Amino acid sequence: MNLGSAIKELRKECGLTQIGLASKAKLSQTALSQIEKGKRPGKNTLKKISCALGVPESLIYIMGLEKEDVSPEKQSLYDTLFPVIKSMVEKLAISEEGLRDR
C-alpha cells in the first residue's frame, strides 16, 4: 500500500504544492514530504489530508493499493480490474464536487 503516492497524485490533481497542502491540512511541509516518500500517515494525519483534499479517506486507500497488496491468486483479477477502478476513482476525485472545487 502506497498512501504517499496516492496523496501526491491527488495533491497534483488539485494543483497544490506540498506547502499548499501542508498548510491546508495543518501539517508541516516536512511531514507531508515524508508521507509522500513512503512514511505511513497516522489515522488523524490521513483524516486531515483527506479533508484538505476534499476526498474521503477510502479514496486515498483505493488509489494507494498496489499489486503486492493482493494475494498471488487474485493478482490477475487486480490486473484486470484495478486500472478501471483507479480511473473511476480519479474521475470522482476531480469531479465538480471533488478537488477542483477546493
N, C-alpha and C. Protein backbone atom coordinates (compact mmCIF):
# COMPACT_ATOMS: atom_id res chain seq x y z
N MET A 1 0.85 -1.17 0.00
CA MET A 1 0.00 0.00 0.00
C MET A 1 0.90 1.23 0.00
N ASN A 2 0.65 2.11 -0.94
CA ASN A 2 1.46 3.32 -1.03
C ASN A 2 0.55 4.54 -0.93
N LEU A 3 0.20 4.89 0.30
CA LEU A 3 -0.68 6.04 0.51
C LEU A 3 -0.01 7.34 0.10
N GLY A 4 1.30 7.42 0.30
CA GLY A 4 2.03 8.62 -0.07
C GLY A 4 1.93 8.94 -1.55
N SER A 5 2.04 7.91 -2.36
CA SER A 5 1.93 8.09 -3.81
C SER A 5 0.53 8.57 -4.18
N ALA A 6 -0.47 8.00 -3.53
CA ALA A 6 -1.85 8.41 -3.80
C ALA A 6 -2.08 9.86 -3.38
N ILE A 7 -1.55 10.23 -2.23
CA ILE A 7 -1.70 11.60 -1.75
C ILE A 7 -1.01 12.57 -2.71
N LYS A 8 0.17 12.22 -3.14
CA LYS A 8 0.91 13.08 -4.07
C LYS A 8 0.14 13.25 -5.39
N GLU A 9 -0.41 12.16 -5.89
CA GLU A 9 -1.17 12.22 -7.14
C GLU A 9 -2.41 13.11 -6.98
N LEU A 10 -3.12 12.94 -5.88
CA LEU A 10 -4.31 13.76 -5.63
C LEU A 10 -3.92 15.23 -5.42
N ARG A 11 -2.82 15.45 -4.72
CA ARG A 11 -2.35 16.82 -4.50
C ARG A 11 -2.07 17.52 -5.82
N LYS A 12 -1.41 16.81 -6.72
CA LYS A 12 -1.09 17.39 -8.03
C LYS A 12 -2.35 17.64 -8.84
N GLU A 13 -3.32 16.71 -8.77
CA GLU A 13 -4.59 16.89 -9.48
C GLU A 13 -5.29 18.17 -9.00
N CYS A 14 -5.09 18.46 -7.73
CA CYS A 14 -5.70 19.63 -7.12
C CYS A 14 -4.92 20.91 -7.44
N GLY A 15 -3.73 20.75 -8.00
CA GLY A 15 -2.91 21.91 -8.33
C GLY A 15 -2.24 22.53 -7.12
N LEU A 16 -2.02 21.71 -6.08
CA LEU A 16 -1.39 22.19 -4.86
C LEU A 16 0.07 21.79 -4.78
N THR A 17 0.86 22.66 -4.20
CA THR A 17 2.24 22.30 -3.86
C THR A 17 2.20 21.56 -2.53
N GLN A 18 3.34 20.99 -2.15
CA GLN A 18 3.41 20.37 -0.83
C GLN A 18 3.14 21.40 0.25
N ILE A 19 3.69 22.57 0.08
CA ILE A 19 3.48 23.63 1.08
C ILE A 19 2.00 24.00 1.16
N GLY A 20 1.35 24.08 0.01
CA GLY A 20 -0.07 24.43 -0.01
C GLY A 20 -0.94 23.39 0.68
N LEU A 21 -0.70 22.12 0.37
CA LEU A 21 -1.48 21.06 1.02
C LEU A 21 -1.16 20.98 2.50
N ALA A 22 0.12 21.07 2.83
CA ALA A 22 0.52 21.01 4.24
C ALA A 22 -0.18 22.11 5.03
N SER A 23 -0.23 23.29 4.47
CA SER A 23 -0.88 24.41 5.14
C SER A 23 -2.38 24.14 5.33
N LYS A 24 -3.05 23.66 4.28
CA LYS A 24 -4.47 23.37 4.37
C LYS A 24 -4.76 22.26 5.38
N ALA A 25 -3.84 21.29 5.48
CA ALA A 25 -4.03 20.15 6.38
C ALA A 25 -3.46 20.42 7.77
N LYS A 26 -2.88 21.61 7.95
CA LYS A 26 -2.25 21.98 9.23
C LYS A 26 -1.15 20.99 9.64
N LEU A 27 -0.29 20.70 8.64
CA LEU A 27 0.88 19.84 8.83
C LEU A 27 2.11 20.63 8.40
N SER A 28 3.27 20.15 8.78
CA SER A 28 4.48 20.77 8.26
C SER A 28 4.75 20.21 6.86
N GLN A 29 5.44 20.99 6.05
CA GLN A 29 5.80 20.52 4.71
C GLN A 29 6.70 19.31 4.82
N THR A 30 7.56 19.27 5.82
CA THR A 30 8.46 18.14 6.04
C THR A 30 7.67 16.87 6.31
N ALA A 31 6.65 16.96 7.14
CA ALA A 31 5.82 15.78 7.44
C ALA A 31 5.13 15.27 6.19
N LEU A 32 4.59 16.19 5.40
CA LEU A 32 3.92 15.79 4.15
C LEU A 32 4.91 15.16 3.18
N SER A 33 6.09 15.74 3.09
CA SER A 33 7.12 15.18 2.22
C SER A 33 7.48 13.75 2.62
N GLN A 34 7.62 13.53 3.91
CA GLN A 34 7.94 12.18 4.40
C GLN A 34 6.82 11.19 4.06
N ILE A 35 5.58 11.64 4.17
CA ILE A 35 4.44 10.77 3.83
C ILE A 35 4.47 10.45 2.35
N GLU A 36 4.69 11.45 1.51
CA GLU A 36 4.72 11.23 0.07
C GLU A 36 5.88 10.33 -0.33
N LYS A 37 6.91 10.28 0.49
CA LYS A 37 8.06 9.41 0.20
C LYS A 37 7.90 8.00 0.78
N GLY A 38 6.78 7.75 1.46
CA GLY A 38 6.53 6.39 1.92
C GLY A 38 6.24 6.19 3.39
N LYS A 39 6.42 7.23 4.20
CA LYS A 39 6.10 7.09 5.62
C LYS A 39 4.57 7.00 5.75
N ARG A 40 4.12 6.00 6.44
CA ARG A 40 2.68 5.80 6.58
C ARG A 40 2.09 6.83 7.56
N PRO A 41 1.07 7.57 7.11
CA PRO A 41 0.48 8.57 7.99
C PRO A 41 -0.38 7.93 9.08
N GLY A 42 -0.45 8.58 10.22
CA GLY A 42 -1.35 8.13 11.26
C GLY A 42 -2.78 8.42 10.85
N LYS A 43 -3.71 7.85 11.58
CA LYS A 43 -5.12 7.99 11.25
C LYS A 43 -5.56 9.47 11.26
N ASN A 44 -5.16 10.22 12.28
CA ASN A 44 -5.55 11.63 12.35
C ASN A 44 -4.92 12.44 11.23
N THR A 45 -3.68 12.13 10.90
CA THR A 45 -2.99 12.84 9.82
C THR A 45 -3.66 12.56 8.49
N LEU A 46 -4.02 11.30 8.24
CA LEU A 46 -4.70 10.95 7.00
C LEU A 46 -6.04 11.66 6.91
N LYS A 47 -6.73 11.77 8.02
CA LYS A 47 -8.01 12.47 8.04
C LYS A 47 -7.83 13.95 7.68
N LYS A 48 -6.79 14.58 8.24
CA LYS A 48 -6.51 15.98 7.93
C LYS A 48 -6.22 16.16 6.44
N ILE A 49 -5.42 15.24 5.89
CA ILE A 49 -5.06 15.32 4.47
C ILE A 49 -6.28 15.12 3.59
N SER A 50 -7.10 14.12 3.91
CA SER A 50 -8.28 13.86 3.09
C SER A 50 -9.25 15.04 3.15
N CYS A 51 -9.40 15.64 4.31
CA CYS A 51 -10.27 16.83 4.43
C CYS A 51 -9.71 17.99 3.61
N ALA A 52 -8.40 18.19 3.68
CA ALA A 52 -7.77 19.28 2.92
C ALA A 52 -7.91 19.07 1.42
N LEU A 53 -7.90 17.81 0.99
CA LEU A 53 -8.06 17.50 -0.44
C LEU A 53 -9.52 17.43 -0.85
N GLY A 54 -10.41 17.31 0.11
CA GLY A 54 -11.84 17.22 -0.20
C GLY A 54 -12.26 15.87 -0.72
N VAL A 55 -11.57 14.82 -0.25
CA VAL A 55 -11.90 13.46 -0.68
C VAL A 55 -12.02 12.56 0.55
N PRO A 56 -12.79 11.49 0.44
CA PRO A 56 -12.87 10.55 1.57
C PRO A 56 -11.56 9.79 1.74
N GLU A 57 -11.27 9.41 2.97
CA GLU A 57 -10.06 8.63 3.24
C GLU A 57 -10.03 7.35 2.42
N SER A 58 -11.19 6.74 2.23
CA SER A 58 -11.26 5.48 1.48
C SER A 58 -10.74 5.64 0.06
N LEU A 59 -10.93 6.81 -0.52
CA LEU A 59 -10.42 7.06 -1.87
C LEU A 59 -8.90 7.02 -1.88
N ILE A 60 -8.28 7.55 -0.85
CA ILE A 60 -6.82 7.53 -0.76
C ILE A 60 -6.34 6.08 -0.62
N TYR A 61 -7.04 5.29 0.17
CA TYR A 61 -6.68 3.88 0.31
C TYR A 61 -6.80 3.14 -1.02
N ILE A 62 -7.87 3.40 -1.75
CA ILE A 62 -8.06 2.72 -3.04
C ILE A 62 -6.94 3.10 -4.00
N MET A 63 -6.63 4.40 -4.07
CA MET A 63 -5.59 4.84 -5.00
C MET A 63 -4.21 4.36 -4.57
N GLY A 64 -4.03 4.07 -3.29
CA GLY A 64 -2.74 3.59 -2.79
C GLY A 64 -2.54 2.10 -2.90
N LEU A 65 -3.57 1.39 -3.32
CA LEU A 65 -3.47 -0.07 -3.44
C LEU A 65 -2.45 -0.46 -4.51
N GLU A 66 -1.61 -1.43 -4.20
CA GLU A 66 -0.61 -1.91 -5.15
C GLU A 66 -0.80 -3.41 -5.35
N LYS A 67 -0.28 -3.89 -6.45
CA LYS A 67 -0.43 -5.31 -6.80
C LYS A 67 0.07 -6.23 -5.69
N GLU A 68 1.14 -5.83 -5.03
CA GLU A 68 1.73 -6.65 -3.96
C GLU A 68 0.80 -6.77 -2.75
N ASP A 69 -0.19 -5.89 -2.66
CA ASP A 69 -1.14 -5.93 -1.55
C ASP A 69 -2.20 -7.02 -1.74
N VAL A 70 -2.25 -7.57 -2.93
CA VAL A 70 -3.26 -8.57 -3.29
C VAL A 70 -2.62 -9.94 -3.27
N SER A 71 -3.36 -10.93 -2.80
CA SER A 71 -2.82 -12.29 -2.76
C SER A 71 -2.46 -12.76 -4.17
N PRO A 72 -1.42 -13.59 -4.30
CA PRO A 72 -0.97 -14.03 -5.62
C PRO A 72 -2.07 -14.63 -6.49
N GLU A 73 -2.99 -15.36 -5.87
CA GLU A 73 -4.04 -15.99 -6.68
C GLU A 73 -5.07 -14.99 -7.20
N LYS A 74 -5.05 -13.77 -6.69
CA LYS A 74 -6.00 -12.75 -7.14
C LYS A 74 -5.33 -11.62 -7.92
N GLN A 75 -4.04 -11.75 -8.19
CA GLN A 75 -3.34 -10.67 -8.88
C GLN A 75 -3.77 -10.51 -10.33
N SER A 76 -4.18 -11.58 -10.99
CA SER A 76 -4.66 -11.42 -12.37
C SER A 76 -5.98 -10.63 -12.38
N LEU A 77 -6.80 -10.84 -11.37
CA LEU A 77 -8.03 -10.06 -11.24
C LEU A 77 -7.70 -8.59 -10.97
N TYR A 78 -6.71 -8.36 -10.14
CA TYR A 78 -6.23 -7.00 -9.87
C TYR A 78 -5.79 -6.34 -11.17
N ASP A 79 -5.00 -7.06 -11.98
CA ASP A 79 -4.51 -6.51 -13.25
C ASP A 79 -5.67 -6.10 -14.16
N THR A 80 -6.75 -6.85 -14.11
CA THR A 80 -7.90 -6.56 -14.96
C THR A 80 -8.74 -5.42 -14.42
N LEU A 81 -9.01 -5.45 -13.13
CA LEU A 81 -9.97 -4.50 -12.56
C LEU A 81 -9.36 -3.19 -12.06
N PHE A 82 -8.16 -3.24 -11.51
CA PHE A 82 -7.64 -2.04 -10.85
C PHE A 82 -7.50 -0.84 -11.76
N PRO A 83 -7.02 -0.98 -12.99
CA PRO A 83 -6.93 0.22 -13.84
C PRO A 83 -8.29 0.90 -14.05
N VAL A 84 -9.35 0.10 -14.17
CA VAL A 84 -10.69 0.65 -14.35
C VAL A 84 -11.16 1.33 -13.07
N ILE A 85 -10.95 0.67 -11.94
CA ILE A 85 -11.35 1.22 -10.65
C ILE A 85 -10.60 2.52 -10.38
N LYS A 86 -9.29 2.51 -10.61
CA LYS A 86 -8.49 3.71 -10.36
C LYS A 86 -8.96 4.87 -11.23
N SER A 87 -9.26 4.59 -12.49
CA SER A 87 -9.74 5.64 -13.39
C SER A 87 -11.06 6.22 -12.88
N MET A 88 -11.96 5.36 -12.43
CA MET A 88 -13.23 5.83 -11.89
C MET A 88 -13.03 6.68 -10.65
N VAL A 89 -12.15 6.24 -9.78
CA VAL A 89 -11.88 6.97 -8.54
C VAL A 89 -11.28 8.33 -8.85
N GLU A 90 -10.36 8.39 -9.80
CA GLU A 90 -9.75 9.67 -10.17
C GLU A 90 -10.79 10.62 -10.73
N LYS A 91 -11.72 10.10 -11.53
CA LYS A 91 -12.78 10.95 -12.07
C LYS A 91 -13.67 11.48 -10.96
N LEU A 92 -13.94 10.65 -9.97
CA LEU A 92 -14.73 11.10 -8.82
C LEU A 92 -13.99 12.18 -8.05
N ALA A 93 -12.70 12.00 -7.91
CA ALA A 93 -11.90 12.94 -7.12
C ALA A 93 -11.83 14.31 -7.76
N ILE A 94 -11.87 14.37 -9.07
CA ILE A 94 -11.73 15.67 -9.74
C ILE A 94 -13.07 16.17 -10.29
N SER A 95 -14.16 15.51 -9.88
CA SER A 95 -15.47 15.96 -10.33
C SER A 95 -15.77 17.33 -9.73
N GLU A 96 -16.87 17.91 -10.12
CA GLU A 96 -17.22 19.24 -9.63
C GLU A 96 -17.32 19.29 -8.12
N GLU A 97 -17.65 18.18 -7.49
CA GLU A 97 -17.77 18.17 -6.03
C GLU A 97 -16.47 17.72 -5.36
N GLY A 98 -15.47 17.41 -6.16
CA GLY A 98 -14.20 16.94 -5.62
C GLY A 98 -13.14 18.01 -5.58
N LEU A 99 -11.96 17.65 -5.96
CA LEU A 99 -10.79 18.50 -5.82
C LEU A 99 -10.89 19.87 -6.49
N ARG A 100 -11.47 19.96 -7.63
CA ARG A 100 -11.45 21.22 -8.35
C ARG A 100 -12.26 22.31 -7.67
N ASP A 101 -13.14 21.94 -6.78
CA ASP A 101 -13.92 22.94 -6.03
C ASP A 101 -13.15 23.49 -4.85
N ARG A 102 -12.03 22.93 -4.54
CA ARG A 102 -11.27 23.31 -3.35
C ARG A 102 -10.36 24.47 -3.62
